[in-house]
């Protein structure tokens, strides 16, 4: 959504420094002097929106407190300059106190996706945008003008899209006009409450007839302060018809803390699930490592006859030899194609395992070769130190000399292991005999069962359950 910057020239003089929203961001509502920094849940409560979906709630109600909100973005320098005016107006109107019954807030529309959705729902198209949220409906244009000018009838900031809200359409260059606008909107909200809400006139008459010479309350600022965050009497609760709906609540406790507790419980549950998933993954990794160690210590063997004396001995199987004998080189990688029968399943499992363990060994070998090479350069001077291109070339040569199959394995894998280019060696191609034993772990039954389950899960996730099912 394109948002335009409105450039104000500040006429309302102030010596107040820029409020700390310039350098400090948070996802929890807080109050600094007379300005509130709102989170998504608090704005949603005042606007009557679902904080997660930004859709209007079916039981939207006035929260009992008027609010004037400045929507901004951190990158908007004009927003930061205007914030000093907003802060001064907040002090003049005693915002955040029960005396004013008014909260003046700041809301960062681009803090995260949830904030952006709420700003879109509120019809924010410019930075900064000022919006008043009160008790009753506001009319930002008359029917005739709206019929002629359409959406432009409301002013440069566009029409309001939510009930009980109205945007400031005047000149932000004149701070006094902003102050007068907030006063006027608060007056309209008060008038609506007197006329349309239970006990409105009675409270108004009591206020007008109260002793004008009474002494001001000696209560502290904390005792005289309006609630920070979601107003008292509102909370979010789960429902079968909609999740996280806002309802007018009963007394007792802080609504903000009620929602905060629910939010903390939800976050804790998410963390618990993440920890459980990590534990499950660690358990699988430990089990897999155990199978590999077992297969290394107690390898699958085959009979080998000595041509000189005819003696028969047990030797570890060569997986590359088996790959050629069974035609597993042509099996689809990781079950990317539906297996026709059990034999195809076994070939897919064999090839997938061979690819994984070969890549693992070659990656480890390349990393060790690189570290050893860099350690050998530690004593060189700056003039003797090779360039990056020279180091890359030298490392490639070292890998090709020490493990030539590792040097070509990636290309072989990407090209589907063609019969040429040495991609299908007749026997184990590794210079390190231990690596041959390592990759031969794919012949172990427990390892194959692991791969069968993993490939079956991948097939289910892809929508075709083929691997691991006998035909």
Protein backbone atom coordinates (compact mmCIF):
# COMPACT_ATOMS: atom_id res chain seq x y z
CA UNK A 1 0.00 0.00 0.00
CA UNK A 2 1.44 3.32 -1.07
CA UNK A 3 1.63 5.87 1.71
CA UNK A 4 2.45 9.51 1.21
CA UNK A 5 4.42 11.69 3.57
CA UNK A 6 2.79 14.84 4.80
CA UNK A 7 5.45 17.45 5.50
CA UNK A 8 4.53 19.70 8.43
CA UNK A 9 6.27 22.96 9.30
CA UNK A 10 5.83 23.13 13.02
CA UNK A 11 4.19 26.33 14.18
CA UNK A 12 3.17 25.12 17.62
CA UNK A 13 6.32 26.03 19.52
CA UNK A 14 7.66 23.48 21.94
CA UNK A 15 10.78 22.84 23.86
CA UNK A 16 9.92 19.20 24.43
CA UNK A 17 12.42 16.79 22.94
CA UNK A 18 11.31 14.17 20.44
CA UNK A 19 9.52 11.34 22.15
CA UNK A 20 11.44 8.14 22.45
CA UNK A 21 9.47 6.31 19.76
CA UNK A 22 12.28 7.51 17.51
CA UNK A 23 14.73 4.99 18.92
CA UNK A 24 12.72 2.51 20.96
CA UNK A 25 10.28 -0.08 19.69
CA UNK A 26 8.29 -2.68 21.58
CA UNK A 27 5.35 -4.99 21.07
CA UNK A 28 3.98 -4.18 24.54
CA UNK A 29 1.94 -1.05 25.24
CA UNK A 30 3.63 1.49 27.47
CA UNK A 31 3.20 5.14 28.52
CA UNK A 32 5.80 7.88 28.44
CA UNK A 33 4.66 11.13 30.01
CA UNK A 34 1.30 11.80 28.34
CA UNK A 35 1.71 9.61 25.25
CA UNK A 36 0.95 5.91 24.97
CA UNK A 37 2.86 3.62 22.62
CA UNK A 38 0.30 1.03 21.57
CA UNK A 39 0.67 -2.59 20.62
CA UNK A 40 -1.62 -4.31 18.12
CA UNK A 41 -4.00 -5.71 20.73
CA UNK A 42 -4.64 -2.30 22.30
CA UNK A 43 -5.36 -0.58 18.98
CA UNK A 44 -7.65 -3.45 17.99
CA UNK A 45 -9.57 -3.10 21.27
CA UNK A 46 -10.25 0.59 20.66
CA UNK A 47 -11.11 0.13 16.97
CA UNK A 48 -13.28 -2.95 17.53
CA UNK A 49 -11.10 -5.24 15.40
CA UNK A 50 -9.76 -8.74 15.79
CA UNK A 51 -6.06 -8.24 16.59
CA UNK A 52 -4.98 -11.22 14.48
CA UNK A 53 -7.16 -10.87 11.37
CA UNK A 54 -7.94 -7.11 11.53
CA UNK A 55 -11.57 -7.91 10.77
CA UNK A 56 -14.39 -6.06 12.60
CA UNK A 57 -15.73 -7.80 15.67
CA UNK A 58 -19.47 -8.55 15.71
CA UNK A 59 -19.91 -7.03 19.16
CA UNK A 60 -17.90 -3.83 18.75
CA UNK A 61 -18.51 -1.42 21.63
CA UNK A 62 -17.10 1.84 22.88
CA UNK A 63 -14.42 1.06 25.45
CA UNK A 64 -15.33 4.02 27.66
CA UNK A 65 -12.20 6.06 26.90
CA UNK A 66 -11.60 8.45 23.99
CA UNK A 67 -8.39 8.07 22.02
CA UNK A 68 -6.45 10.14 19.53
CA UNK A 69 -3.95 8.05 17.59
CA UNK A 70 -1.02 9.10 15.45
CA UNK A 71 -0.13 6.44 12.88
CA UNK A 72 3.49 6.57 11.77
CA UNK A 73 6.44 4.65 10.36
CA UNK A 74 9.98 4.70 11.72
CA UNK A 75 11.47 5.74 8.38
CA UNK A 76 9.15 8.79 8.18
CA UNK A 77 11.26 11.75 9.33
CA UNK A 78 8.23 14.06 9.24
CA UNK A 79 6.47 11.75 11.70
CA UNK A 80 9.32 12.18 14.15
CA UNK A 81 9.23 15.95 13.77
CA UNK A 82 5.47 16.05 14.27
CA UNK A 83 5.77 13.81 17.33
CA UNK A 84 6.97 16.80 19.35
CA UNK A 85 3.70 18.58 18.56
CA UNK A 86 1.73 15.47 19.45
CA UNK A 87 3.59 15.19 22.74
CA UNK A 88 2.90 18.82 23.62
CA UNK A 89 -0.82 18.45 22.84
CA UNK A 90 -0.88 15.40 25.09
CA UNK A 91 0.53 17.44 27.96
CA UNK A 92 -1.85 20.35 27.38
CA UNK A 93 -4.87 18.02 27.44
CA UNK A 94 -3.54 15.91 30.33
CA UNK A 95 -3.82 12.82 28.17
CA UNK A 96 -3.65 9.50 29.99
CA UNK A 97 -5.48 10.78 33.09
CA UNK A 98 -9.00 10.19 34.37
CA UNK A 99 -9.44 13.97 34.39
CA UNK A 100 -9.30 14.06 30.60
CA UNK A 101 -10.64 10.55 29.87
CA UNK A 102 -8.45 10.79 26.78
CA UNK A 103 -5.51 8.73 25.63
CA UNK A 104 -3.19 10.08 22.99
CA UNK A 105 -1.29 7.26 21.35
CA UNK A 106 1.39 6.45 18.81
CA UNK A 107 1.15 3.39 16.57
CA UNK A 108 3.88 2.12 14.28
CA UNK A 109 2.17 0.76 11.16
CA UNK A 110 5.27 -1.02 9.90
CA UNK A 111 6.56 -2.68 13.05
CA UNK A 112 5.30 -6.08 11.86
CA UNK A 113 2.63 -7.66 9.68
CA UNK A 114 -0.01 -7.54 12.40
CA UNK A 115 0.48 -3.77 12.77
CA UNK A 116 0.33 -3.30 9.01
CA UNK A 117 -2.94 -5.24 8.72
CA UNK A 118 -4.56 -3.10 11.41
CA UNK A 119 -3.43 0.12 9.73
CA UNK A 120 -4.83 -1.10 6.41
CA UNK A 121 -8.12 -1.90 8.11
CA UNK A 122 -8.17 1.58 9.66
CA UNK A 123 -7.70 3.15 6.23
CA UNK A 124 -4.28 4.65 6.88
CA UNK A 125 -2.85 5.90 3.58
CA UNK A 126 -0.51 8.68 4.72
CA UNK A 127 2.19 9.14 7.31
CA UNK A 128 1.50 10.63 9.73
CA UNK A 129 -2.27 10.09 9.99
CA UNK A 130 -4.22 11.34 12.99
CA UNK A 131 -7.38 9.51 13.99
CA UNK A 132 -9.84 10.10 16.80
CA UNK A 133 -11.75 7.17 18.29
CA UNK A 134 -14.79 8.19 20.34
CA UNK A 135 -18.18 7.09 21.58
CA UNK A 136 -20.45 7.71 18.61
CA UNK A 137 -20.40 7.95 14.84
CA UNK A 138 -18.53 10.73 13.08
CA UNK A 139 -19.33 12.19 9.68
CA UNK A 140 -16.32 13.41 7.74
CA UNK A 141 -18.44 14.65 4.79
CA UNK A 142 -22.00 15.46 3.83
CA UNK A 143 -24.03 13.31 1.39
CA UNK A 144 -24.01 15.85 -1.42
CA UNK A 145 -20.25 16.38 -1.38
CA UNK A 146 -19.65 12.65 -1.13
CA UNK A 147 -21.88 12.05 -4.15
CA UNK A 148 -19.92 14.59 -6.20
CA UNK A 149 -16.33 13.95 -5.08
CA UNK A 150 -16.54 10.34 -3.89
CA UNK A 151 -13.67 9.26 -1.65
CA UNK A 152 -11.99 12.65 -2.08
CA UNK A 153 -14.85 14.38 -0.29
CA UNK A 154 -13.44 13.58 3.13
CA UNK A 155 -10.12 15.28 2.55
CA UNK A 156 -6.51 14.47 1.65
CA UNK A 157 -6.27 11.57 4.10
CA UNK A 158 -9.27 9.73 2.69
CA UNK A 159 -12.51 8.68 4.38
CA UNK A 160 -12.69 6.76 7.61
CA UNK A 161 -13.46 3.08 7.20
CA UNK A 162 -14.43 2.15 10.75
CA UNK A 163 -17.30 3.26 13.01
CA UNK A 164 -16.58 5.68 15.86
CA UNK A 165 -13.50 7.01 14.08
CA UNK A 166 -12.63 10.16 12.18
CA UNK A 167 -9.39 11.37 10.59
CA UNK A 168 -7.84 14.79 10.87
CA UNK A 169 -8.13 16.35 7.40
CA UNK A 170 -6.61 19.74 8.19
CA UNK A 171 -3.18 21.30 7.88
CA UNK A 172 -0.58 19.54 10.00
CA UNK A 173 1.60 22.61 9.63
CA UNK A 174 -0.54 24.35 12.22
CA UNK A 175 -0.28 22.64 15.57
CA UNK A 176 -3.07 24.75 17.09
CA UNK A 177 -5.53 23.39 14.54
CA UNK A 178 -4.64 19.85 15.61
CA UNK A 179 -5.19 20.82 19.25
CA UNK A 180 -8.58 22.35 18.45
CA UNK A 181 -9.56 19.28 16.41
CA UNK A 182 -8.81 16.91 19.29
CA UNK A 183 -10.83 19.12 21.66
CA UNK A 184 -13.77 19.25 19.23
CA UNK A 185 -13.82 15.49 18.64
CA UNK A 186 -13.66 14.85 22.37
CA UNK A 187 -16.59 17.22 22.82
CA UNK A 188 -18.64 15.37 20.21
CA UNK A 189 -17.85 12.09 21.90
CA UNK A 190 -18.93 13.48 25.27
CA UNK A 191 -22.16 14.86 23.75
CA UNK A 192 -22.96 11.46 22.27
CA UNK A 193 -22.37 9.75 25.62
CA UNK A 194 -24.69 12.23 27.35
CA UNK A 195 -27.46 11.64 24.81
CA UNK A 196 -27.19 7.96 23.97
CA UNK A 197 -25.54 6.10 26.82
CA UNK A 198 -27.11 4.97 30.07
CA UNK A 199 -26.72 7.55 32.79
CA UNK A 200 -25.12 10.01 30.40
CA UNK A 201 -27.14 13.10 31.27
CA UNK A 202 -27.10 12.31 34.95
CA UNK A 203 -23.31 12.13 35.01
CA UNK A 204 -23.13 15.32 32.94
CA UNK A 205 -25.42 17.25 35.28
CA UNK A 206 -23.47 16.05 38.32
CA UNK A 207 -20.30 17.23 36.64
CA UNK A 208 -21.76 20.65 35.79
CA UNK A 209 -23.30 21.15 39.24
CA UNK A 210 -20.27 19.95 41.16
CA UNK A 211 -18.59 22.46 43.45
CA UNK A 212 -16.32 24.62 41.28
CA UNK A 213 -14.36 25.62 44.38
CA UNK A 214 -13.54 22.06 45.42
CA UNK A 215 -9.92 21.31 45.97
CA UNK A 216 -8.16 19.24 43.37
CA UNK A 217 -7.64 15.60 44.16
CA UNK A 218 -4.51 14.85 46.05
CA UNK A 219 -4.21 11.46 44.39
CA UNK A 220 -0.92 10.66 42.76
CA UNK A 221 -0.46 10.50 39.01
CA UNK A 222 -0.50 6.73 39.21
CA UNK A 223 -3.86 6.72 41.03
CA UNK A 224 -5.23 9.28 38.55
CA UNK A 225 -4.01 7.48 35.45
CA UNK A 226 -6.05 5.73 32.81
CA UNK A 227 -5.17 2.08 32.17
CA UNK A 228 -2.24 1.39 29.86
CA UNK A 229 -2.99 -1.05 27.08
CA UNK A 230 -6.34 -2.79 26.66
CA UNK A 231 -8.90 -0.85 28.73
CA UNK A 232 -10.38 -2.37 31.87
CA UNK A 233 -13.52 -4.39 31.19
CA UNK A 234 -12.33 -5.74 27.85
CA UNK A 235 -10.62 -9.03 27.26
CA UNK A 236 -10.00 -11.57 24.53
CA UNK A 237 -11.33 -15.07 24.97
CA UNK A 238 -11.59 -18.18 22.82
CA UNK A 239 -14.94 -19.07 21.30
CA UNK A 240 -16.23 -21.86 19.14
CA UNK A 241 -17.61 -19.36 16.66
CA UNK A 242 -14.51 -17.23 16.40
CA UNK A 243 -11.10 -17.24 17.94
CA UNK A 244 -9.90 -14.32 19.99
CA UNK A 245 -13.17 -12.38 20.01
CA UNK A 246 -13.44 -9.20 22.05
CA UNK A 247 -16.26 -8.93 24.50
CA UNK A 248 -17.44 -6.46 27.06
CA UNK A 249 -16.19 -8.00 30.27
CA UNK A 250 -17.10 -7.99 33.87
CA UNK A 251 -15.20 -6.25 36.55
CA UNK A 252 -12.21 -7.56 38.30
CA UNK A 253 -8.54 -7.27 37.47
CA UNK A 254 -6.80 -5.63 34.59
CA UNK A 255 -8.05 -6.60 31.15
CA UNK A 256 -4.64 -5.82 29.75
CA UNK A 257 -3.02 -8.21 32.18
CA UNK A 258 -5.71 -10.82 31.43
CA UNK A 259 -4.88 -10.77 27.76
CA UNK A 260 -1.18 -10.55 28.53
CA UNK A 261 -1.51 -13.73 30.57
CA UNK A 262 -3.32 -15.49 27.72
CA UNK A 263 -0.66 -14.27 25.33
CA UNK A 264 2.10 -15.52 27.62
CA UNK A 265 0.38 -18.90 27.90
CA UNK A 266 0.09 -19.13 24.14
CA UNK A 267 3.74 -18.16 23.71
CA UNK A 268 4.77 -20.64 26.37
CA UNK A 269 2.80 -23.39 24.61
CA UNK A 270 4.46 -22.53 21.32
CA UNK A 271 7.87 -22.66 22.98
CA UNK A 272 6.97 -25.95 24.63
CA UNK A 273 5.93 -27.39 21.27
CA UNK A 274 9.16 -26.15 19.72
CA UNK A 275 11.19 -27.74 22.53
CA UNK A 276 9.27 -31.00 22.13
CA UNK A 277 9.90 -30.97 18.38
CA UNK A 278 13.57 -30.33 19.03
CA UNK A 279 13.69 -33.18 21.54
CA UNK A 280 12.04 -35.48 19.00
CA UNK A 281 14.55 -34.44 16.36
CA UNK A 282 17.44 -34.94 18.78
CA UNK A 283 16.10 -38.37 19.67
CA UNK A 284 15.93 -39.30 16.00
CA UNK A 285 19.42 -37.94 15.41
CA UNK A 286 20.77 -39.89 18.38
CA UNK A 287 19.09 -43.06 17.17
CA UNK A 288 20.44 -42.51 13.66
CA UNK A 289 23.95 -41.91 14.99
CA UNK A 290 23.68 -45.09 17.05
CA UNK A 291 22.72 -47.11 13.98
CA UNK A 292 25.66 -45.66 12.04
CA UNK A 293 28.10 -46.50 14.83
CA UNK A 294 26.71 -50.03 15.08
CA UNK A 295 26.98 -50.54 11.34
CA UNK A 296 30.54 -49.21 11.41
CA UNK A 297 31.61 -51.47 14.28
CA UNK A 298 29.64 -54.46 13.03
CA UNK A 299 29.41 -53.98 9.26
CA UNK A 300 27.29 -56.02 6.89
CA UNK A 301 29.65 -58.54 5.33
CA UNK A 302 29.79 -60.85 2.36
CA UNK A 303 31.86 -63.91 1.58
CA UNK A 304 35.14 -63.36 -0.27
CA UNK A 305 37.23 -66.22 -1.67
CA UNK A 306 41.01 -65.90 -1.82
CA UNK A 307 42.09 -66.82 -5.36
CA UNK A 308 45.47 -68.07 -4.13
CA UNK A 309 44.45 -70.57 -1.47
CA UNK A 310 40.67 -70.77 -1.86
CA UNK A 311 40.01 -69.64 1.69
CA UNK A 312 36.66 -67.93 2.30
CA UNK A 313 36.55 -64.85 4.55
CA UNK A 314 34.03 -62.24 5.59
CA UNK A 315 34.60 -58.75 4.15
CA UNK A 316 32.43 -55.59 4.41
CA UNK A 317 30.06 -55.16 1.49
CA UNK A 318 30.82 -52.52 -1.12
CA UNK A 319 27.71 -50.41 -1.62
CA UNK A 320 28.95 -49.03 -4.95
CA UNK A 321 29.35 -52.53 -6.30
CA UNK A 322 25.79 -53.31 -5.18
CA UNK A 323 24.54 -50.08 -6.77
CA UNK A 324 25.84 -51.35 -10.12
CA UNK A 325 24.57 -54.90 -9.67
CA UNK A 326 21.03 -53.85 -8.77
CA UNK A 327 20.74 -50.89 -11.15
CA UNK A 328 20.06 -48.56 -8.21
CA UNK A 329 21.84 -45.71 -10.01
CA UNK A 330 18.71 -45.27 -12.13
CA UNK A 331 16.30 -45.20 -9.18
CA UNK A 332 14.52 -41.87 -8.60
CA UNK A 333 16.27 -39.72 -6.01
CA UNK A 334 14.45 -39.61 -2.64
CA UNK A 335 11.28 -41.15 -4.04
CA UNK A 336 10.63 -38.26 -6.43
CA UNK A 337 8.78 -40.72 -8.71
CA UNK A 338 6.19 -43.21 -7.59
CA UNK A 339 7.66 -46.64 -6.85
CA UNK A 340 6.05 -49.50 -8.74
CA UNK A 341 6.82 -52.36 -6.35
CA UNK A 342 8.77 -53.37 -3.28
CA UNK A 343 11.98 -53.86 -5.29
CA UNK A 344 11.77 -50.28 -6.53
CA UNK A 345 11.30 -49.14 -2.94
CA UNK A 346 14.52 -50.89 -1.93
CA UNK A 347 16.46 -49.28 -4.79
CA UNK A 348 15.13 -45.83 -3.88
CA UNK A 349 16.12 -46.37 -0.26
CA UNK A 350 19.58 -47.62 -1.22
CA UNK A 351 20.32 -44.74 -3.58
CA UNK A 352 18.90 -42.08 -1.24
CA UNK A 353 21.01 -43.34 1.64
CA UNK A 354 24.15 -43.54 -0.51
CA UNK A 355 23.66 -39.97 -1.72
CA UNK A 356 23.10 -38.62 1.80
CA UNK A 357 26.11 -40.32 3.38
CA UNK A 358 28.39 -39.54 0.43
CA UNK A 359 27.42 -35.87 0.59
CA UNK A 360 27.95 -35.90 4.34
CA UNK A 361 31.43 -37.40 4.04
CA UNK A 362 32.47 -35.12 1.18
CA UNK A 363 31.22 -32.05 3.04
CA UNK A 364 33.16 -33.02 6.14
CA UNK A 365 36.26 -33.77 4.06
CA UNK A 366 36.06 -30.42 2.23
CA UNK A 367 35.62 -28.55 5.52
CA UNK A 368 38.64 -30.26 7.10
CA UNK A 369 40.75 -29.66 4.00
CA UNK A 370 39.82 -25.96 4.05
CA UNK A 371 40.60 -25.56 7.76
CA UNK A 372 43.96 -27.32 7.40
CA UNK A 373 44.84 -25.14 4.42
CA UNK A 374 43.94 -21.91 6.20
CA UNK A 375 45.89 -22.97 9.27
CA UNK A 376 48.93 -23.34 7.02
CA UNK A 377 48.55 -19.73 5.89
CA UNK A 378 48.58 -18.32 9.42
CA UNK A 379 52.31 -17.49 9.41
CA UNK A 380 52.31 -15.75 6.01
CA UNK A 381 52.72 -12.00 5.73
CA UNK A 382 50.16 -9.83 4.02
CA UNK A 383 52.26 -9.72 0.87
CA UNK A 384 52.54 -13.52 0.75
CA UNK A 385 48.90 -14.19 1.52
CA UNK A 386 47.05 -15.55 -1.55
CA UNK A 387 43.97 -13.93 -3.02
CA UNK A 388 40.55 -15.46 -2.61
CA UNK A 389 40.60 -16.76 -6.18
CA UNK A 390 44.00 -18.34 -5.62
CA UNK A 391 42.83 -20.00 -2.41
CA UNK A 392 39.70 -21.34 -4.08
CA UNK A 393 41.75 -22.76 -6.96
CA UNK A 394 44.27 -24.37 -4.60
CA UNK A 395 41.52 -25.94 -2.48
CA UNK A 396 39.88 -27.40 -5.55
CA UNK A 397 43.19 -28.97 -6.59
CA UNK A 398 43.75 -30.39 -3.09
CA UNK A 399 40.30 -31.98 -3.01
CA UNK A 400 40.68 -33.42 -6.51
CA UNK A 401 44.00 -34.99 -5.55
CA UNK A 402 42.88 -36.38 -2.18
CA UNK A 403 39.28 -37.41 -2.93
CA UNK A 404 38.59 -37.07 -6.67
CA UNK A 405 35.08 -38.53 -6.35
CA UNK A 406 34.09 -35.79 -3.90
CA UNK A 407 35.25 -33.19 -6.42
CA UNK A 408 32.81 -34.47 -9.04
CA UNK A 409 29.98 -35.81 -6.88
CA UNK A 410 27.86 -32.64 -6.92
CA UNK A 411 27.92 -32.51 -10.72
CA UNK A 412 27.09 -36.20 -10.89
CA UNK A 413 24.16 -35.73 -8.55
CA UNK A 414 22.75 -32.76 -10.47
CA UNK A 415 23.04 -34.62 -13.80
CA UNK A 416 21.37 -37.80 -12.54
CA UNK A 417 24.57 -39.88 -12.27
CA UNK A 418 25.31 -40.42 -15.96
CA UNK A 419 27.18 -43.59 -16.97
CA UNK A 420 30.10 -41.46 -18.17
CA UNK A 421 32.41 -39.07 -16.28
CA UNK A 422 33.11 -41.68 -13.60
CA UNK A 423 29.82 -41.01 -11.82
CA UNK A 424 29.07 -44.72 -11.38
CA UNK A 425 32.25 -46.28 -9.95
CA UNK A 426 32.40 -50.08 -9.91
CA UNK A 427 33.78 -50.12 -6.38
CA UNK A 428 34.11 -47.62 -3.54
CA UNK A 429 35.96 -44.62 -5.02
CA UNK A 430 37.11 -43.03 -1.77
CA UNK A 431 40.81 -42.95 -0.92
CA UNK A 432 39.88 -43.14 2.74
CA UNK A 433 38.91 -46.73 3.50
CA UNK A 434 36.98 -45.59 6.57
CA UNK A 435 34.71 -43.53 4.29
CA UNK A 436 33.84 -46.70 2.38
CA UNK A 437 32.81 -48.34 5.63
CA UNK A 438 30.80 -45.26 6.54
CA UNK A 439 28.77 -45.19 3.33
CA UNK A 440 28.33 -48.97 3.48
CA UNK A 441 26.15 -48.37 6.57
CA UNK A 442 23.34 -48.02 4.03
CA UNK A 443 23.27 -51.82 3.87
CA UNK A 444 22.31 -52.02 7.54
CA UNK A 445 18.66 -53.02 8.04
CA UNK A 446 17.99 -50.49 10.84
CA UNK A 447 19.36 -47.67 8.66
CA UNK A 448 17.25 -48.81 5.72
CA UNK A 449 14.15 -48.89 7.92
CA UNK A 450 14.87 -45.30 8.94
CA UNK A 451 15.07 -44.23 5.34
CA UNK A 452 11.91 -46.14 4.50
CA UNK A 453 9.97 -44.23 7.17
CA UNK A 454 11.52 -40.88 6.17
CA UNK A 455 10.76 -41.39 2.48
CA UNK A 456 7.26 -42.57 3.28
CA UNK A 457 6.66 -39.41 5.31
CA UNK A 458 7.99 -37.28 2.45
CA UNK A 459 5.65 -39.06 0.05
CA UNK A 460 2.67 -38.44 2.36
CA UNK A 461 3.59 -34.76 2.69
CA UNK A 462 3.79 -34.55 -1.10
CA UNK A 463 0.35 -36.11 -1.41
CA UNK A 464 1.41 -39.48 -2.84
CA UNK A 465 2.08 -42.29 -0.39
CA UNK A 466 4.20 -44.76 -2.36
CA UNK A 467 7.50 -45.56 -0.69
CA UNK A 468 7.34 -48.29 1.92
CA UNK A 469 4.04 -49.79 0.75
CA UNK A 470 4.10 -53.22 -0.76
CA UNK A 471 2.15 -53.71 -3.94
